[in-house]
Amino acid sequence: MDYRKKAISCVKDTVLPVQMAQFRECSSSLDEQYRKYGDTEGFFAKIIEPYRRYEVGYPKYVCPEVQNGETTDPAHCECSRQSILYILETLLPGKQVSVEIMETVLGGAQRCRFAVTVEPGK
């Protein structure tokens, strides 16, 4: 399955515009955005190392396919990883962004957590 395509399709008209508006409101600073909006019912973000390393995630399922019981496969969490990567690459053009799955609800954890690293672009 092409999780990248699926992720982009899922978030490009929903989550991305919200994140983009927050990012712009916060002077195009991911740190400021996460300080202001990083603790909501559906999303959390922690600044691990300012302007470079973050932990982001979801306290519960946000994927409609998981909510509807269509999938319980932990491999499906790659879709969430790809959606985070797509959003951050869109917000931070010219930067090199990596996103790693730390733990997921489908994998047996209490919440979904991802490690994000932002590096200067090449």
C-alpha atoms as a PDB file:
ATOM      1  CA  MET A   1       0.000   0.000   0.000  1.00  0.00           C
ATOM      2  CA  ASP A   2       1.214   3.498  -0.813  1.00  0.00           C
ATOM      3  CA  TYR A   3       0.817   5.111   2.603  1.00  0.00           C
ATOM      4  CA  ARG A   4       2.352   8.390   1.378  1.00  0.00           C
ATOM      5  CA  LYS A   5      -0.423   8.909  -1.210  1.00  0.00           C
ATOM      6  CA  LYS A   6      -3.085   7.845   1.256  1.00  0.00           C
ATOM      7  CA  ALA A   7      -1.720  10.189   3.948  1.00  0.00           C
ATOM      8  CA  ILE A   8      -1.587  13.198   1.628  1.00  0.00           C
ATOM      9  CA  SER A   9      -5.122  12.530   0.434  1.00  0.00           C
ATOM     10  CA  CYS A  10      -6.332  12.275   4.033  1.00  0.00           C
ATOM     11  CA  VAL A  11      -4.765  15.487   5.396  1.00  0.00           C
ATOM     12  CA  LYS A  12      -4.266  17.920   2.498  1.00  0.00           C
ATOM     13  CA  ASP A  13      -7.745  19.490   2.755  1.00  0.00           C
ATOM     14  CA  THR A  14      -8.346  18.958   6.476  1.00  0.00           C
ATOM     15  CA  VAL A  15      -5.398  18.919   8.890  1.00  0.00           C
ATOM     16  CA  LEU A  16      -2.888  20.738   6.653  1.00  0.00           C
ATOM     17  CA  PRO A  17      -4.898  23.985   6.329  1.00  0.00           C
ATOM     18  CA  VAL A  18      -5.408  24.099  10.118  1.00  0.00           C
ATOM     19  CA  GLN A  19      -1.721  23.443  10.801  1.00  0.00           C
ATOM     20  CA  MET A  20      -0.726  26.001   8.161  1.00  0.00           C
ATOM     21  CA  ALA A  21      -2.953  28.679   9.725  1.00  0.00           C
ATOM     22  CA  GLN A  22      -1.544  27.951  13.199  1.00  0.00           C
ATOM     23  CA  PHE A  23       2.013  28.002  11.857  1.00  0.00           C
ATOM     24  CA  ARG A  24       1.523  31.361  10.156  1.00  0.00           C
ATOM     25  CA  GLU A  25      -0.197  32.784  13.246  1.00  0.00           C
ATOM     26  CA  CYS A  26       2.875  31.747  15.241  1.00  0.00           C
ATOM     27  CA  SER A  27       5.316  33.644  13.003  1.00  0.00           C
ATOM     28  CA  SER A  28       6.190  30.481  11.055  1.00  0.00           C
ATOM     29  CA  SER A  29       7.810  28.984  14.166  1.00  0.00           C
ATOM     30  CA  LEU A  30       7.156  25.314  14.890  1.00  0.00           C
ATOM     31  CA  ASP A  31       8.273  25.868  18.497  1.00  0.00           C
ATOM     32  CA  GLU A  32       5.761  28.679  18.990  1.00  0.00           C
ATOM     33  CA  GLN A  33       3.024  26.666  17.304  1.00  0.00           C
ATOM     34  CA  TYR A  34       3.663  23.662  19.519  1.00  0.00           C
ATOM     35  CA  ARG A  35       3.764  25.818  22.659  1.00  0.00           C
ATOM     36  CA  LYS A  36       0.389  27.299  21.777  1.00  0.00           C
ATOM     37  CA  TYR A  37      -1.404  24.359  20.118  1.00  0.00           C
ATOM     38  CA  GLY A  38       0.566  21.322  21.278  1.00  0.00           C
ATOM     39  CA  ASP A  39      -1.850  20.151  23.938  1.00  0.00           C
ATOM     40  CA  THR A  40      -5.302  19.511  22.491  1.00  0.00           C
ATOM     41  CA  GLU A  41      -7.756  16.655  22.655  1.00  0.00           C
ATOM     42  CA  GLY A  42      -6.556  15.235  19.347  1.00  0.00           C
ATOM     43  CA  PHE A  43      -2.872  16.204  19.180  1.00  0.00           C
ATOM     44  CA  PHE A  44       0.122  16.754  21.445  1.00  0.00           C
ATOM     45  CA  ALA A  45       3.600  18.103  20.786  1.00  0.00           C
ATOM     46  CA  LYS A  46       6.654  18.494  23.002  1.00  0.00           C
ATOM     47  CA  ILE A  47       9.772  20.459  22.192  1.00  0.00           C
ATOM     48  CA  ILE A  48      12.716  18.186  22.981  1.00  0.00           C
ATOM     49  CA  GLU A  49      15.435  20.418  21.500  1.00  0.00           C
ATOM     50  CA  PRO A  50      14.313  23.873  20.309  1.00  0.00           C
ATOM     51  CA  TYR A  51      14.058  24.257  16.545  1.00  0.00           C
ATOM     52  CA  ARG A  52      15.362  20.730  15.983  1.00  0.00           C
ATOM     53  CA  ARG A  53      13.764  17.803  17.861  1.00  0.00           C
ATOM     54  CA  TYR A  54      10.157  17.210  18.831  1.00  0.00           C
ATOM     55  CA  GLU A  55       7.808  14.510  20.017  1.00  0.00           C
ATOM     56  CA  VAL A  56       4.345  14.657  18.498  1.00  0.00           C
ATOM     57  CA  GLY A  57       1.374  12.364  18.574  1.00  0.00           C
ATOM     58  CA  TYR A  58      -2.197  11.524  19.255  1.00  0.00           C
ATOM     59  CA  PRO A  59      -3.756  10.532  22.576  1.00  0.00           C
ATOM     60  CA  LYS A  60      -6.319   8.382  20.709  1.00  0.00           C
ATOM     61  CA  TYR A  61      -7.125   7.077  17.244  1.00  0.00           C
ATOM     62  CA  VAL A  62      -7.580   9.857  14.708  1.00  0.00           C
ATOM     63  CA  CYS A  63      -7.731   7.693  11.587  1.00  0.00           C
ATOM     64  CA  PRO A  64     -11.290   7.052  10.342  1.00  0.00           C
ATOM     65  CA  GLU A  65     -10.314   3.558   9.130  1.00  0.00           C
ATOM     66  CA  VAL A  66      -9.142   2.629  12.625  1.00  0.00           C
ATOM     67  CA  GLN A  67     -12.136   4.299  14.294  1.00  0.00           C
ATOM     68  CA  ASN A  68     -14.503   2.380  12.007  1.00  0.00           C
ATOM     69  CA  GLY A  69     -12.761  -0.927  12.720  1.00  0.00           C
ATOM     70  CA  GLU A  70     -11.631  -1.333   9.094  1.00  0.00           C
ATOM     71  CA  THR A  71      -8.036  -2.009  10.159  1.00  0.00           C
ATOM     72  CA  THR A  72      -6.200  -3.087  13.290  1.00  0.00           C
ATOM     73  CA  ASP A  73      -2.845  -3.673  11.572  1.00  0.00           C
ATOM     74  CA  PRO A  74      -0.002  -1.777  13.288  1.00  0.00           C
ATOM     75  CA  ALA A  75       1.615  -1.344   9.844  1.00  0.00           C
ATOM     76  CA  HIS A  76      -1.195   1.122   9.098  1.00  0.00           C
ATOM     77  CA  CYS A  77       0.502   3.586  11.489  1.00  0.00           C
ATOM     78  CA  GLU A  78       2.933   4.302   8.649  1.00  0.00           C
ATOM     79  CA  CYS A  79       0.077   6.371   7.228  1.00  0.00           C
ATOM     80  CA  SER A  80       0.155   8.612  10.317  1.00  0.00           C
ATOM     81  CA  ARG A  81       3.924   8.884  10.075  1.00  0.00           C
ATOM     82  CA  GLN A  82       3.626   9.906   6.428  1.00  0.00           C
ATOM     83  CA  SER A  83       0.920  12.477   7.198  1.00  0.00           C
ATOM     84  CA  ILE A  84       3.104  14.125   9.868  1.00  0.00           C
ATOM     85  CA  LEU A  85       6.048  14.103   7.465  1.00  0.00           C
ATOM     86  CA  TYR A  86       3.979  15.624   4.642  1.00  0.00           C
ATOM     87  CA  ILE A  87       2.602  18.398   6.864  1.00  0.00           C
ATOM     88  CA  LEU A  88       6.020  19.295   8.263  1.00  0.00           C
ATOM     89  CA  GLU A  89       7.689  19.214   4.844  1.00  0.00           C
ATOM     90  CA  THR A  90       4.959  21.572   3.629  1.00  0.00           C
ATOM     91  CA  LEU A  91       5.356  23.924   6.612  1.00  0.00           C
ATOM     92  CA  LEU A  92       9.160  23.830   6.482  1.00  0.00           C
ATOM     93  CA  PRO A  93      10.194  23.858   2.820  1.00  0.00           C
ATOM     94  CA  GLY A  94      13.937  23.671   2.385  1.00  0.00           C
ATOM     95  CA  LYS A  95      14.421  21.811   5.682  1.00  0.00           C
ATOM     96  CA  GLN A  96      15.199  18.135   5.983  1.00  0.00           C
ATOM     97  CA  VAL A  97      12.524  16.508   8.155  1.00  0.00           C
ATOM     98  CA  SER A  98      12.503  12.961   9.520  1.00  0.00           C
ATOM     99  CA  VAL A  99       9.704  11.293  11.461  1.00  0.00           C
ATOM    100  CA  GLU A 100      10.086   8.013  13.338  1.00  0.00           C
ATOM    101  CA  ILE A 101       7.360   5.941  14.953  1.00  0.00           C
ATOM    102  CA  MET A 102       8.067   5.619  18.677  1.00  0.00           C
ATOM    103  CA  GLU A 103       4.920   3.755  19.735  1.00  0.00           C
ATOM    104  CA  THR A 104       1.330   3.381  18.553  1.00  0.00           C
ATOM    105  CA  VAL A 105      -2.022   2.355  19.939  1.00  0.00           C
ATOM    106  CA  LEU A 106      -2.348  -0.323  17.257  1.00  0.00           C
ATOM    107  CA  GLY A 107       1.037  -1.590  18.437  1.00  0.00           C
ATOM    108  CA  GLY A 108      -0.264  -1.893  22.016  1.00  0.00           C
ATOM    109  CA  ALA A 109       0.706   1.501  23.494  1.00  0.00           C
ATOM    110  CA  GLN A 110      -1.559   3.969  25.308  1.00  0.00           C
ATOM    111  CA  ARG A 111      -1.084   6.623  22.603  1.00  0.00           C
ATOM    112  CA  CYS A 112       0.680   7.238  19.293  1.00  0.00           C
ATOM    113  CA  ARG A 113       4.074   8.959  19.583  1.00  0.00           C
ATOM    114  CA  PHE A 114       6.452  10.072  16.851  1.00  0.00           C
ATOM    115  CA  ALA A 115       9.990  11.493  17.032  1.00  0.00           C
ATOM    116  CA  VAL A 116      10.557  14.428  14.683  1.00  0.00           C
ATOM    117  CA  THR A 117      13.931  15.849  13.682  1.00  0.00           C
ATOM    118  CA  VAL A 118      14.326  19.023  11.616  1.00  0.00           C
ATOM    119  CA  GLU A 119      17.695  19.737   9.993  1.00  0.00           C
ATOM    120  CA  PRO A 120      18.842  22.583   7.777  1.00  0.00           C
ATOM    121  CA  GLY A 121      18.222  21.888   4.106  1.00  0.00           C
ATOM    122  CA  LYS A 122      20.901  20.907   1.662  1.00  0.00           C
END
